N, C-alpha and C. Protein backbone atom coordinates (compact mmCIF):
# COMPACT_ATOMS: atom_id res chain seq x y z
N MET A 1 0.90 -1.21 0.00
CA MET A 1 -0.02 0.02 0.00
C MET A 1 0.87 1.27 -0.04
N LYS A 2 0.69 2.21 -0.91
CA LYS A 2 1.47 3.40 -1.02
C LYS A 2 0.72 4.39 -0.08
N PHE A 3 1.69 5.17 0.63
CA PHE A 3 1.15 6.26 1.44
C PHE A 3 1.47 7.60 0.86
N PHE A 4 0.38 8.33 0.60
CA PHE A 4 0.54 9.81 0.12
C PHE A 4 0.11 10.67 1.25
N ILE A 5 0.59 11.85 1.37
CA ILE A 5 0.17 12.88 2.27
C ILE A 5 -0.81 13.84 1.49
N ASP A 6 -1.84 14.24 2.22
CA ASP A 6 -2.78 15.06 1.61
C ASP A 6 -2.61 16.50 2.14
N THR A 7 -1.65 17.36 1.45
CA THR A 7 -1.39 18.50 2.02
C THR A 7 -0.65 19.33 1.09
N ALA A 8 -0.63 20.75 1.31
CA ALA A 8 0.22 21.57 0.47
C ALA A 8 1.33 22.30 1.51
N ASN A 9 1.32 21.76 2.63
CA ASN A 9 2.28 22.36 3.71
C ASN A 9 3.57 21.59 3.57
N LEU A 10 4.54 22.46 3.27
CA LEU A 10 5.84 21.91 2.97
C LEU A 10 6.52 21.28 4.15
N GLU A 11 6.48 21.84 5.33
CA GLU A 11 7.04 21.29 6.49
C GLU A 11 6.41 19.93 6.87
N GLN A 12 5.16 19.74 6.67
CA GLN A 12 4.43 18.40 6.85
C GLN A 12 5.10 17.35 5.77
N ILE A 13 5.17 17.89 4.54
CA ILE A 13 5.65 17.00 3.48
C ILE A 13 7.06 16.53 3.91
N LYS A 14 7.99 17.40 4.24
CA LYS A 14 9.34 17.26 4.67
C LYS A 14 9.36 16.03 5.90
N GLU A 15 8.50 16.33 6.88
CA GLU A 15 8.42 15.32 7.99
C GLU A 15 7.99 13.91 7.60
N ALA A 16 6.92 13.94 6.73
CA ALA A 16 6.59 12.66 6.25
C ALA A 16 7.68 11.94 5.32
N GLN A 17 8.29 12.75 4.47
CA GLN A 17 9.37 12.16 3.73
C GLN A 17 10.42 11.68 4.59
N ALA A 18 10.86 12.39 5.66
CA ALA A 18 11.97 12.06 6.64
C ALA A 18 11.59 10.69 7.24
N LEU A 19 10.27 10.44 7.41
CA LEU A 19 10.00 9.16 8.13
C LEU A 19 10.38 8.04 7.30
N GLY A 20 10.39 8.11 5.88
CA GLY A 20 10.93 7.03 5.00
C GLY A 20 9.90 6.18 4.49
N VAL A 21 8.52 6.61 4.65
CA VAL A 21 7.41 5.77 4.14
C VAL A 21 6.60 6.51 3.14
N LEU A 22 7.06 7.64 2.83
CA LEU A 22 6.15 8.59 1.85
C LEU A 22 6.28 8.16 0.38
N ASP A 23 5.17 7.93 -0.33
CA ASP A 23 5.29 7.52 -1.69
C ASP A 23 4.78 8.57 -2.61
N GLY A 24 4.17 9.74 -2.10
CA GLY A 24 3.71 10.74 -2.86
C GLY A 24 2.78 11.79 -2.14
N VAL A 25 2.43 12.83 -2.96
CA VAL A 25 1.53 13.87 -2.41
C VAL A 25 0.33 14.09 -3.13
N THR A 26 -0.79 14.47 -2.51
CA THR A 26 -1.95 14.92 -3.21
C THR A 26 -2.23 16.29 -2.69
N THR A 27 -2.80 17.13 -3.52
CA THR A 27 -3.14 18.51 -3.19
C THR A 27 -4.54 18.87 -3.94
N ASN A 28 -5.08 19.93 -3.44
CA ASN A 28 -6.30 20.41 -4.13
C ASN A 28 -6.32 21.99 -3.96
N PRO A 29 -7.20 22.78 -4.61
CA PRO A 29 -7.33 24.08 -4.39
C PRO A 29 -7.56 24.51 -2.94
N SER A 30 -8.30 23.76 -2.21
CA SER A 30 -8.57 24.17 -0.79
C SER A 30 -7.32 23.99 0.00
N LEU A 31 -6.43 23.00 -0.31
CA LEU A 31 -5.31 22.86 0.47
C LEU A 31 -4.21 23.90 0.12
N MET A 32 -4.27 24.38 -1.18
CA MET A 32 -3.39 25.54 -1.48
C MET A 32 -3.73 26.80 -0.90
N ALA A 33 -5.14 26.98 -0.81
CA ALA A 33 -5.59 28.20 -0.20
C ALA A 33 -5.27 28.24 1.22
N LYS A 34 -5.31 27.03 1.95
CA LYS A 34 -5.11 26.93 3.38
C LYS A 34 -3.74 27.52 3.62
N GLU A 35 -2.75 27.14 2.74
CA GLU A 35 -1.45 27.62 2.97
C GLU A 35 -1.10 29.02 2.45
N GLY A 36 -2.16 29.65 1.97
CA GLY A 36 -1.86 31.06 1.42
C GLY A 36 -1.27 30.97 0.08
N ILE A 37 -1.19 30.01 -0.70
CA ILE A 37 -0.73 29.96 -2.07
C ILE A 37 -1.77 30.36 -2.97
N THR A 38 -1.69 31.53 -3.60
CA THR A 38 -2.67 31.97 -4.54
C THR A 38 -2.03 32.57 -5.65
N GLY A 39 -2.73 32.65 -6.87
CA GLY A 39 -2.04 33.07 -8.12
C GLY A 39 -1.57 31.96 -8.90
N ALA A 40 -1.93 31.97 -10.15
CA ALA A 40 -1.41 30.91 -10.95
C ALA A 40 0.12 30.61 -11.01
N ALA A 41 0.93 31.58 -10.98
CA ALA A 41 2.31 31.35 -10.96
C ALA A 41 2.74 30.81 -9.67
N ASN A 42 2.27 31.31 -8.62
CA ASN A 42 2.75 30.85 -7.32
C ASN A 42 2.30 29.40 -7.13
N ILE A 43 1.07 29.01 -7.59
CA ILE A 43 0.69 27.56 -7.44
C ILE A 43 1.39 26.71 -8.16
N LEU A 44 1.86 27.04 -9.37
CA LEU A 44 2.66 26.20 -10.33
C LEU A 44 4.11 26.10 -9.57
N ASN A 45 4.64 27.14 -9.10
CA ASN A 45 5.98 27.13 -8.40
C ASN A 45 5.87 26.28 -7.21
N HIS A 46 4.71 26.28 -6.49
CA HIS A 46 4.62 25.38 -5.18
C HIS A 46 4.52 24.03 -5.66
N TYR A 47 3.91 23.61 -6.67
CA TYR A 47 3.94 22.23 -7.20
C TYR A 47 5.35 21.76 -7.52
N SER A 48 6.07 22.58 -8.21
CA SER A 48 7.51 22.37 -8.41
C SER A 48 8.29 22.06 -7.17
N THR A 49 8.07 22.87 -6.25
CA THR A 49 8.83 22.76 -4.93
C THR A 49 8.51 21.40 -4.33
N ILE A 50 7.17 21.12 -4.25
CA ILE A 50 6.75 19.82 -3.67
C ILE A 50 7.42 18.71 -4.48
N CYS A 51 7.52 18.76 -5.74
CA CYS A 51 8.23 17.68 -6.54
C CYS A 51 9.65 17.49 -6.26
N SER A 52 10.26 18.60 -5.84
CA SER A 52 11.69 18.62 -5.46
C SER A 52 11.86 17.91 -3.97
N LEU A 53 10.80 17.75 -3.33
CA LEU A 53 10.89 17.32 -1.87
C LEU A 53 10.72 15.76 -1.86
N VAL A 54 9.81 15.21 -2.81
CA VAL A 54 9.57 13.83 -2.66
C VAL A 54 9.96 13.16 -3.85
N ASP A 55 9.93 11.79 -3.78
CA ASP A 55 10.47 11.00 -5.01
C ASP A 55 9.13 10.50 -5.81
N GLY A 56 8.02 10.55 -5.26
CA GLY A 56 6.82 9.89 -5.89
C GLY A 56 5.94 10.84 -6.70
N ASP A 57 4.70 10.28 -7.00
CA ASP A 57 3.80 11.10 -7.62
C ASP A 57 3.11 12.27 -6.88
N VAL A 58 3.00 13.41 -7.64
CA VAL A 58 2.34 14.57 -6.93
C VAL A 58 1.06 14.97 -7.69
N SER A 59 -0.17 14.80 -7.18
CA SER A 59 -1.32 15.08 -7.75
C SER A 59 -1.53 16.76 -7.91
N ALA A 60 -1.80 17.17 -8.99
CA ALA A 60 -2.04 18.62 -9.16
C ALA A 60 -3.28 18.84 -9.90
N GLU A 61 -4.18 19.62 -9.31
CA GLU A 61 -5.56 19.66 -9.87
C GLU A 61 -5.81 20.75 -10.78
N VAL A 62 -6.56 20.37 -11.87
CA VAL A 62 -7.09 21.47 -12.75
C VAL A 62 -8.17 22.23 -12.06
N ILE A 63 -8.38 23.45 -12.44
CA ILE A 63 -9.43 24.50 -12.08
C ILE A 63 -10.59 24.50 -13.05
N ALA A 64 -10.17 24.21 -14.23
CA ALA A 64 -11.28 24.33 -15.34
C ALA A 64 -12.38 23.30 -15.26
N THR A 65 -13.42 23.60 -15.83
CA THR A 65 -14.59 22.59 -15.61
C THR A 65 -14.98 22.13 -17.07
N ASP A 66 -14.42 22.71 -18.03
CA ASP A 66 -14.75 22.34 -19.44
C ASP A 66 -13.61 21.49 -20.02
N TYR A 67 -13.85 20.76 -20.95
CA TYR A 67 -12.84 19.77 -21.56
C TYR A 67 -11.65 20.57 -22.06
N GLU A 68 -11.84 21.63 -23.01
CA GLU A 68 -10.77 22.28 -23.54
C GLU A 68 -9.79 22.97 -22.38
N GLY A 69 -10.52 23.48 -21.36
CA GLY A 69 -9.83 24.16 -20.35
C GLY A 69 -9.03 23.12 -19.44
N MET A 70 -9.57 21.84 -19.18
CA MET A 70 -8.93 20.91 -18.41
C MET A 70 -7.68 20.38 -19.27
N VAL A 71 -7.79 20.23 -20.61
CA VAL A 71 -6.66 19.88 -21.42
C VAL A 71 -5.52 20.89 -21.35
N ALA A 72 -5.85 22.03 -21.51
CA ALA A 72 -4.89 23.14 -21.45
C ALA A 72 -4.12 23.20 -20.12
N GLN A 73 -4.90 23.29 -19.10
CA GLN A 73 -4.34 23.40 -17.73
C GLN A 73 -3.49 22.12 -17.44
N GLY A 74 -4.07 20.94 -17.79
CA GLY A 74 -3.42 19.70 -17.49
C GLY A 74 -2.09 19.59 -18.10
N GLU A 75 -1.98 19.98 -19.45
CA GLU A 75 -0.81 19.96 -20.21
C GLU A 75 0.19 20.85 -19.58
N GLU A 76 -0.17 22.06 -19.08
CA GLU A 76 0.73 22.99 -18.48
C GLU A 76 1.28 22.27 -17.16
N LEU A 77 0.38 21.73 -16.32
CA LEU A 77 0.86 21.03 -15.20
C LEU A 77 1.70 20.01 -15.40
N ALA A 78 1.46 19.08 -16.41
CA ALA A 78 2.34 17.93 -16.73
C ALA A 78 3.73 18.36 -17.22
N LYS A 79 3.84 19.54 -17.78
CA LYS A 79 5.13 19.95 -18.18
C LYS A 79 6.05 20.47 -17.00
N LEU A 80 5.48 20.58 -15.86
CA LEU A 80 6.22 21.08 -14.75
C LEU A 80 7.31 20.08 -14.22
N HIS A 81 6.88 18.78 -14.21
CA HIS A 81 7.71 17.75 -13.75
C HIS A 81 7.15 16.43 -14.08
N ASP A 82 8.01 15.52 -14.27
CA ASP A 82 7.44 14.07 -14.66
C ASP A 82 6.80 13.34 -13.50
N GLN A 83 6.96 13.98 -12.27
CA GLN A 83 6.16 13.35 -11.12
C GLN A 83 4.69 13.81 -11.04
N ILE A 84 4.42 14.90 -11.77
CA ILE A 84 3.00 15.38 -11.82
C ILE A 84 1.99 14.48 -12.29
N VAL A 85 0.95 14.28 -11.49
CA VAL A 85 -0.36 13.54 -11.88
C VAL A 85 -1.42 14.61 -11.97
N VAL A 86 -1.99 14.63 -13.32
CA VAL A 86 -3.03 15.60 -13.49
C VAL A 86 -4.31 15.09 -12.77
N LYS A 87 -4.99 15.99 -12.00
CA LYS A 87 -6.12 15.65 -11.13
C LYS A 87 -7.15 16.19 -11.77
N LEU A 88 -8.19 15.35 -12.12
CA LEU A 88 -9.43 15.68 -12.85
C LEU A 88 -10.71 15.39 -12.11
N PRO A 89 -11.70 16.23 -12.32
CA PRO A 89 -13.00 15.97 -11.60
C PRO A 89 -13.78 14.84 -12.21
N MET A 90 -14.54 14.11 -11.55
CA MET A 90 -15.47 13.03 -12.08
C MET A 90 -16.69 13.80 -12.64
N THR A 91 -16.54 14.18 -13.81
CA THR A 91 -17.54 14.75 -14.66
C THR A 91 -17.40 14.25 -16.09
N GLN A 92 -18.53 14.53 -16.90
CA GLN A 92 -18.31 14.09 -18.32
C GLN A 92 -17.11 14.69 -19.01
N ASP A 93 -16.92 15.92 -18.83
CA ASP A 93 -15.75 16.53 -19.48
C ASP A 93 -14.44 16.00 -18.77
N GLY A 94 -14.56 15.72 -17.47
CA GLY A 94 -13.36 15.29 -16.86
C GLY A 94 -12.97 13.87 -17.35
N ILE A 95 -13.93 13.01 -17.59
CA ILE A 95 -13.65 11.63 -18.20
C ILE A 95 -13.08 11.72 -19.42
N LYS A 96 -13.57 12.67 -20.27
CA LYS A 96 -13.02 12.84 -21.79
C LYS A 96 -11.64 13.38 -21.64
N ALA A 97 -11.36 14.21 -20.68
CA ALA A 97 -9.94 14.71 -20.53
C ALA A 97 -9.04 13.60 -20.07
N CYS A 98 -9.59 12.75 -19.12
CA CYS A 98 -8.73 11.63 -18.65
C CYS A 98 -8.37 10.65 -19.85
N LYS A 99 -9.39 10.42 -20.72
CA LYS A 99 -9.04 9.51 -21.94
C LYS A 99 -8.03 10.19 -22.83
N TYR A 100 -8.11 11.57 -22.93
CA TYR A 100 -7.09 12.20 -23.67
C TYR A 100 -5.79 12.20 -23.12
N PHE A 101 -5.64 12.41 -21.83
CA PHE A 101 -4.30 12.32 -21.09
C PHE A 101 -3.72 10.96 -21.16
N SER A 102 -4.66 9.91 -20.92
CA SER A 102 -4.06 8.59 -20.93
C SER A 102 -3.63 8.19 -22.27
N SER A 103 -4.11 8.66 -23.40
CA SER A 103 -3.65 8.43 -24.70
C SER A 103 -2.35 8.97 -24.96
N LYS A 104 -2.01 10.00 -24.14
CA LYS A 104 -0.79 10.89 -24.38
C LYS A 104 0.33 10.38 -23.37
N GLY A 105 -0.09 9.23 -22.55
CA GLY A 105 0.90 8.89 -21.57
C GLY A 105 1.12 9.74 -20.43
N ILE A 106 0.14 10.64 -20.09
CA ILE A 106 0.23 11.47 -18.95
C ILE A 106 -0.61 10.90 -17.89
N LYS A 107 -0.03 10.73 -16.74
CA LYS A 107 -0.78 10.28 -15.47
C LYS A 107 -1.90 11.05 -14.94
N THR A 108 -2.96 10.42 -14.61
CA THR A 108 -4.12 11.09 -14.13
C THR A 108 -4.75 10.54 -12.76
N ASN A 109 -5.43 11.50 -12.00
CA ASN A 109 -6.06 11.06 -10.86
C ASN A 109 -7.42 11.51 -10.97
N VAL A 110 -8.50 10.64 -11.14
CA VAL A 110 -9.83 11.14 -11.14
C VAL A 110 -10.44 11.23 -9.78
N THR A 111 -10.84 12.56 -9.44
CA THR A 111 -11.07 12.87 -7.96
C THR A 111 -12.63 13.05 -7.83
N LEU A 112 -13.01 13.18 -6.52
CA LEU A 112 -14.46 13.35 -6.22
C LEU A 112 -15.37 12.18 -6.69
N VAL A 113 -14.79 10.97 -6.40
CA VAL A 113 -15.52 9.78 -6.80
C VAL A 113 -16.42 9.28 -5.59
N PHE A 114 -17.66 9.11 -5.74
CA PHE A 114 -18.42 8.57 -4.61
C PHE A 114 -19.34 7.41 -4.86
N SER A 115 -19.07 6.66 -6.16
CA SER A 115 -19.81 5.50 -6.41
C SER A 115 -18.94 4.52 -7.26
N ALA A 116 -19.28 3.36 -7.17
CA ALA A 116 -18.67 2.29 -8.05
C ALA A 116 -18.72 2.48 -9.47
N GLY A 117 -19.81 3.06 -9.88
CA GLY A 117 -20.03 3.28 -11.40
C GLY A 117 -19.15 4.39 -11.86
N GLN A 118 -18.98 5.39 -11.01
CA GLN A 118 -18.00 6.46 -11.31
C GLN A 118 -16.61 5.81 -11.42
N ALA A 119 -16.22 5.10 -10.53
CA ALA A 119 -14.91 4.42 -10.59
C ALA A 119 -14.67 3.65 -11.77
N LEU A 120 -15.82 2.87 -12.20
CA LEU A 120 -15.64 2.07 -13.41
C LEU A 120 -15.42 2.97 -14.58
N LEU A 121 -16.07 4.05 -14.69
CA LEU A 121 -15.93 4.91 -15.76
C LEU A 121 -14.45 5.46 -15.93
N ALA A 122 -13.89 5.84 -14.70
CA ALA A 122 -12.62 6.36 -14.68
C ALA A 122 -11.46 5.31 -15.10
N ALA A 123 -11.80 4.03 -14.75
CA ALA A 123 -10.88 2.88 -15.22
C ALA A 123 -10.94 2.74 -16.71
N LYS A 124 -12.22 2.89 -17.17
CA LYS A 124 -12.42 2.62 -18.74
C LYS A 124 -11.57 3.73 -19.48
N ALA A 125 -11.60 5.01 -18.96
CA ALA A 125 -10.96 6.08 -19.52
C ALA A 125 -9.40 6.06 -19.36
N GLY A 126 -8.87 5.02 -18.51
CA GLY A 126 -7.46 4.97 -18.47
C GLY A 126 -6.90 5.69 -17.31
N ALA A 127 -7.64 5.96 -16.24
CA ALA A 127 -7.10 6.73 -15.29
C ALA A 127 -5.84 5.99 -14.43
N THR A 128 -4.89 6.73 -14.05
CA THR A 128 -3.83 6.05 -13.24
C THR A 128 -4.33 5.84 -11.92
N TYR A 129 -5.00 6.82 -11.30
CA TYR A 129 -5.51 6.61 -9.97
C TYR A 129 -7.01 7.06 -10.00
N VAL A 130 -7.83 6.42 -9.21
CA VAL A 130 -9.20 6.96 -8.90
C VAL A 130 -9.37 7.29 -7.31
N SER A 131 -9.97 8.22 -7.05
CA SER A 131 -9.92 8.82 -5.60
C SER A 131 -11.33 8.75 -5.12
N PRO A 132 -11.79 7.68 -4.41
CA PRO A 132 -12.98 7.73 -3.76
C PRO A 132 -12.83 8.35 -2.39
N PHE A 133 -13.75 9.25 -2.08
CA PHE A 133 -13.63 10.08 -0.80
C PHE A 133 -14.38 9.43 0.36
N ILE A 134 -13.65 8.59 1.04
CA ILE A 134 -14.30 7.70 2.09
C ILE A 134 -14.72 8.68 3.27
N GLY A 135 -14.01 9.64 3.58
CA GLY A 135 -14.39 10.46 4.84
C GLY A 135 -15.58 11.28 4.49
N ARG A 136 -15.70 11.86 3.36
CA ARG A 136 -17.01 12.48 3.02
C ARG A 136 -18.21 11.62 3.10
N LEU A 137 -18.04 10.47 2.60
CA LEU A 137 -19.21 9.47 2.62
C LEU A 137 -19.55 9.23 4.08
N ASP A 138 -18.50 8.94 4.92
CA ASP A 138 -18.78 8.83 6.49
C ASP A 138 -19.50 10.01 6.91
N ASP A 139 -19.23 11.13 6.56
CA ASP A 139 -19.86 12.37 7.09
C ASP A 139 -21.42 12.34 6.76
N ILE A 140 -21.88 11.76 5.79
CA ILE A 140 -23.34 11.63 5.45
C ILE A 140 -23.85 10.33 5.94
N SER A 141 -23.26 9.54 6.92
CA SER A 141 -23.70 8.37 7.39
C SER A 141 -23.82 7.25 6.40
N THR A 142 -22.74 7.20 5.55
CA THR A 142 -22.63 6.14 4.54
C THR A 142 -21.16 5.60 4.80
N ASP A 143 -21.06 4.18 4.73
CA ASP A 143 -19.71 3.56 5.06
C ASP A 143 -18.83 3.74 3.81
N GLY A 144 -17.94 4.52 3.87
CA GLY A 144 -17.02 4.81 2.56
C GLY A 144 -16.14 3.63 2.41
N LEU A 145 -15.95 2.64 3.41
CA LEU A 145 -15.14 1.51 3.26
C LEU A 145 -15.83 0.56 2.29
N ILE A 146 -17.17 0.51 2.28
CA ILE A 146 -17.94 -0.31 1.41
C ILE A 146 -17.62 0.04 -0.05
N LEU A 147 -17.46 1.27 -0.38
CA LEU A 147 -17.29 1.71 -1.64
C LEU A 147 -15.85 1.26 -2.15
N ILE A 148 -14.85 1.30 -1.20
CA ILE A 148 -13.62 0.75 -1.62
C ILE A 148 -13.68 -0.74 -1.90
N GLN A 149 -14.41 -1.52 -1.23
CA GLN A 149 -14.69 -2.96 -1.42
C GLN A 149 -15.17 -3.28 -2.71
N GLU A 150 -16.34 -2.41 -3.21
CA GLU A 150 -16.94 -2.46 -4.48
C GLU A 150 -16.01 -2.22 -5.57
N ILE A 151 -15.23 -1.15 -5.46
CA ILE A 151 -14.29 -0.77 -6.59
C ILE A 151 -13.29 -1.90 -6.63
N ARG A 152 -12.78 -2.46 -5.57
CA ARG A 152 -11.69 -3.48 -5.61
C ARG A 152 -12.24 -4.69 -6.34
N GLN A 153 -13.40 -5.13 -6.08
CA GLN A 153 -14.14 -6.27 -6.71
C GLN A 153 -14.18 -5.98 -8.17
N ILE A 154 -14.66 -4.89 -8.64
CA ILE A 154 -14.84 -4.49 -10.03
C ILE A 154 -13.50 -4.52 -10.85
N TYR A 155 -12.55 -3.94 -10.23
CA TYR A 155 -11.29 -3.75 -10.75
C TYR A 155 -10.60 -5.03 -10.94
N ASP A 156 -10.70 -6.07 -9.96
CA ASP A 156 -10.13 -7.25 -9.97
C ASP A 156 -10.93 -8.20 -10.98
N ASN A 157 -12.21 -7.92 -11.20
CA ASN A 157 -12.97 -8.83 -12.07
C ASN A 157 -12.48 -8.70 -13.42
N TYR A 158 -12.00 -7.36 -13.76
CA TYR A 158 -11.64 -7.19 -15.20
C TYR A 158 -10.13 -6.74 -15.40
N GLY A 159 -9.40 -6.83 -14.35
CA GLY A 159 -7.97 -6.60 -14.61
C GLY A 159 -7.66 -5.14 -14.82
N PHE A 160 -8.45 -4.21 -14.44
CA PHE A 160 -8.19 -2.85 -14.53
C PHE A 160 -6.96 -2.48 -13.86
N GLN A 161 -5.93 -1.63 -14.40
CA GLN A 161 -4.72 -1.31 -13.75
C GLN A 161 -4.85 0.07 -12.96
N THR A 162 -5.89 0.73 -13.05
CA THR A 162 -6.20 1.86 -12.18
C THR A 162 -6.09 1.58 -10.80
N GLN A 163 -5.39 2.46 -10.07
CA GLN A 163 -5.10 2.20 -8.75
C GLN A 163 -6.05 2.94 -7.88
N ILE A 164 -6.63 2.22 -6.86
CA ILE A 164 -7.55 2.80 -5.93
C ILE A 164 -6.88 3.65 -4.84
N LEU A 165 -7.05 4.89 -4.88
CA LEU A 165 -6.46 5.88 -4.04
C LEU A 165 -7.54 6.35 -3.01
N ALA A 166 -7.53 5.75 -1.84
CA ALA A 166 -8.51 6.06 -0.89
C ALA A 166 -8.15 7.52 -0.36
N ALA A 167 -9.13 8.43 -0.65
CA ALA A 167 -8.96 9.81 -0.22
C ALA A 167 -9.89 10.17 0.86
N SER A 168 -9.68 11.38 1.19
CA SER A 168 -10.51 12.05 2.47
C SER A 168 -10.37 10.99 3.63
N VAL A 169 -9.10 10.46 3.75
CA VAL A 169 -8.79 9.74 4.91
C VAL A 169 -8.73 10.64 6.09
N ARG A 170 -9.42 10.15 7.26
CA ARG A 170 -9.42 11.27 8.35
C ARG A 170 -8.66 10.65 9.57
N HIS A 171 -8.45 9.44 9.68
CA HIS A 171 -7.72 8.82 10.87
C HIS A 171 -7.17 7.75 10.63
N THR A 172 -6.36 7.17 11.61
CA THR A 172 -5.53 5.97 11.46
C THR A 172 -6.24 4.83 11.09
N MET A 173 -7.47 4.51 11.70
CA MET A 173 -8.14 3.32 11.42
C MET A 173 -8.68 3.30 9.92
N HIS A 174 -8.96 4.46 9.30
CA HIS A 174 -9.23 4.40 7.93
C HIS A 174 -8.09 3.83 7.12
N ILE A 175 -6.90 4.13 7.52
CA ILE A 175 -5.80 3.72 6.76
C ILE A 175 -5.58 2.06 6.97
N VAL A 176 -5.81 1.63 8.25
CA VAL A 176 -5.69 0.23 8.51
C VAL A 176 -6.82 -0.60 7.77
N ASN A 177 -8.01 -0.03 7.82
CA ASN A 177 -9.18 -0.75 7.23
C ASN A 177 -8.95 -0.75 5.66
N CYS A 178 -8.53 0.27 5.06
CA CYS A 178 -8.21 0.44 3.67
C CYS A 178 -7.22 -0.60 3.33
N ALA A 179 -6.24 -0.93 4.18
CA ALA A 179 -5.23 -1.71 3.81
C ALA A 179 -5.78 -3.14 3.95
N LYS A 180 -6.67 -3.48 4.78
CA LYS A 180 -7.32 -4.75 4.80
C LYS A 180 -8.12 -5.19 3.54
N ILE A 181 -8.82 -4.07 3.07
CA ILE A 181 -9.71 -4.22 1.82
C ILE A 181 -8.84 -4.39 0.54
N GLY A 182 -7.69 -3.81 0.56
CA GLY A 182 -6.90 -3.87 -0.66
C GLY A 182 -6.79 -2.54 -1.47
N ALA A 183 -6.99 -1.39 -0.82
CA ALA A 183 -6.74 -0.04 -1.53
C ALA A 183 -5.29 -0.06 -1.86
N ASP A 184 -4.97 0.45 -3.12
CA ASP A 184 -3.67 0.48 -3.53
C ASP A 184 -2.85 1.61 -2.83
N VAL A 185 -3.54 2.75 -2.59
CA VAL A 185 -2.98 3.93 -2.15
C VAL A 185 -3.92 4.45 -1.06
N MET A 186 -3.44 5.16 0.00
CA MET A 186 -4.30 6.08 0.81
C MET A 186 -3.58 7.41 0.95
N THR A 187 -4.39 8.55 1.00
CA THR A 187 -3.88 9.76 1.09
C THR A 187 -4.68 10.44 2.22
N GLY A 188 -3.82 10.98 3.27
CA GLY A 188 -4.46 11.50 4.31
C GLY A 188 -3.54 12.59 5.09
N PRO A 189 -3.89 12.93 6.09
CA PRO A 189 -3.13 13.96 6.86
C PRO A 189 -1.81 13.32 7.54
N LEU A 190 -0.85 14.17 7.95
CA LEU A 190 0.30 13.49 8.67
C LEU A 190 -0.08 12.91 9.89
N SER A 191 -1.04 13.56 10.66
CA SER A 191 -1.51 12.96 11.88
C SER A 191 -1.95 11.45 11.76
N ALA A 192 -2.59 11.16 10.70
CA ALA A 192 -3.15 9.79 10.55
C ALA A 192 -2.05 8.86 10.33
N ILE A 193 -1.00 9.17 9.59
CA ILE A 193 0.12 8.37 9.43
C ILE A 193 0.95 8.16 10.57
N LEU A 194 1.20 9.29 11.37
CA LEU A 194 1.92 9.13 12.59
C LEU A 194 1.09 8.35 13.59
N GLY A 195 -0.18 8.37 13.51
CA GLY A 195 -1.03 7.68 14.51
C GLY A 195 -0.74 6.12 14.36
N LEU A 196 -0.30 5.57 13.30
CA LEU A 196 0.04 4.16 13.11
C LEU A 196 1.22 3.83 14.05
N LEU A 197 2.05 4.63 14.52
CA LEU A 197 3.15 4.46 15.35
C LEU A 197 2.69 4.16 16.71
N LYS A 198 1.52 4.63 17.17
CA LYS A 198 1.12 4.70 18.56
C LYS A 198 0.55 3.31 19.04
N HIS A 199 1.02 3.00 20.18
CA HIS A 199 0.22 1.90 20.89
C HIS A 199 0.77 1.96 22.42
N PRO A 200 -0.26 1.99 23.32
CA PRO A 200 0.20 2.18 24.76
C PRO A 200 1.20 1.14 25.26
N LEU A 201 1.09 -0.19 24.61
CA LEU A 201 2.00 -1.12 25.10
C LEU A 201 3.40 -1.00 24.72
N THR A 202 3.54 -0.36 23.52
CA THR A 202 4.80 0.06 23.02
C THR A 202 5.42 1.04 24.02
N ASP A 203 4.74 2.08 24.39
CA ASP A 203 5.16 3.09 25.18
C ASP A 203 5.54 2.51 26.67
N SER A 204 4.61 1.73 27.16
CA SER A 204 5.00 1.08 28.51
C SER A 204 6.17 0.21 28.44
N GLY A 205 6.19 -0.66 27.40
CA GLY A 205 7.24 -1.61 27.25
C GLY A 205 8.67 -0.87 27.07
N LEU A 206 8.69 0.19 26.35
CA LEU A 206 10.02 0.88 26.21
C LEU A 206 10.33 1.56 27.52
N ALA A 207 9.38 2.26 28.33
CA ALA A 207 9.69 2.78 29.50
C ALA A 207 10.20 1.73 30.57
N GLN A 208 9.63 0.53 30.53
CA GLN A 208 10.20 -0.53 31.35
C GLN A 208 11.60 -1.03 30.99
N PHE A 209 11.86 -1.19 29.72
CA PHE A 209 13.17 -1.48 29.17
C PHE A 209 14.17 -0.54 29.66
N LEU A 210 13.89 0.75 29.63
CA LEU A 210 14.86 1.84 29.94
C LEU A 210 15.06 1.82 31.59
N LEU A 211 14.00 1.64 32.19
CA LEU A 211 14.08 1.67 33.65
C LEU A 211 14.86 0.38 34.15
N ASP A 212 14.73 -0.80 33.57
CA ASP A 212 15.48 -1.94 33.96
C ASP A 212 16.94 -1.75 33.52
N TYR A 213 17.30 -1.12 32.44
CA TYR A 213 18.61 -0.78 32.08
C TYR A 213 19.35 0.09 33.21
N GLN A 214 18.51 1.09 33.44
CA GLN A 214 19.08 2.11 34.43
C GLN A 214 19.38 1.42 35.78
N LYS A 215 18.52 0.50 36.19
CA LYS A 215 18.82 -0.24 37.46
C LYS A 215 20.06 -1.02 37.37
N GLY A 216 20.20 -1.70 36.25
CA GLY A 216 21.51 -2.60 36.22
C GLY A 216 22.72 -1.86 35.78
N ASN A 217 22.72 -0.57 35.35
CA ASN A 217 23.87 0.11 34.81
C ASN A 217 24.00 1.54 35.47
N SER A 218 23.45 1.73 36.57
CA SER A 218 23.65 3.09 37.20
C SER A 218 24.96 3.04 38.09
């Protein structure tokens, strides 16, 4: 399972990269705005900086909602770095753009996916990644993990190579459960990744080891 961090914060990206388990980064306009990154040139420069910090794929989202605009913006993003993955919305024009980019060998991430049917269309269009938003489904009292299971079954049935990127991950158990189901990738906050480190028995065991060492070597 690949670990992506869902942020535009450079310090968090550096911390996750230093941990040695980071495989990529996902961003979106909301995350850019949260970091105060505004203006087309500044956003493009920020993507380039992120690519310089990590070794894996970096999803960069188009703002256009029409096919021609998505193609123009996506091509501009793809030129920034070979790590860039063009992030497209799950719309009719988004699927058309996905097919265009896949025919050109440009990696894509179809985002805002909330149904198995949408994920099927994305795979048919040749998406590199499909991003079902499990946290947002949980927010409306729908089990987002069931969607991951459905997509996994469909993709396995037909041998689709599109990777299931569990998005809108909110906490550590989302990561663990997605791993059990067979999601190819998860993207979430640094706190959820670091949460995997934590267990009270680890803490108490280490404290006891250190105490015993001090008793015998003081």
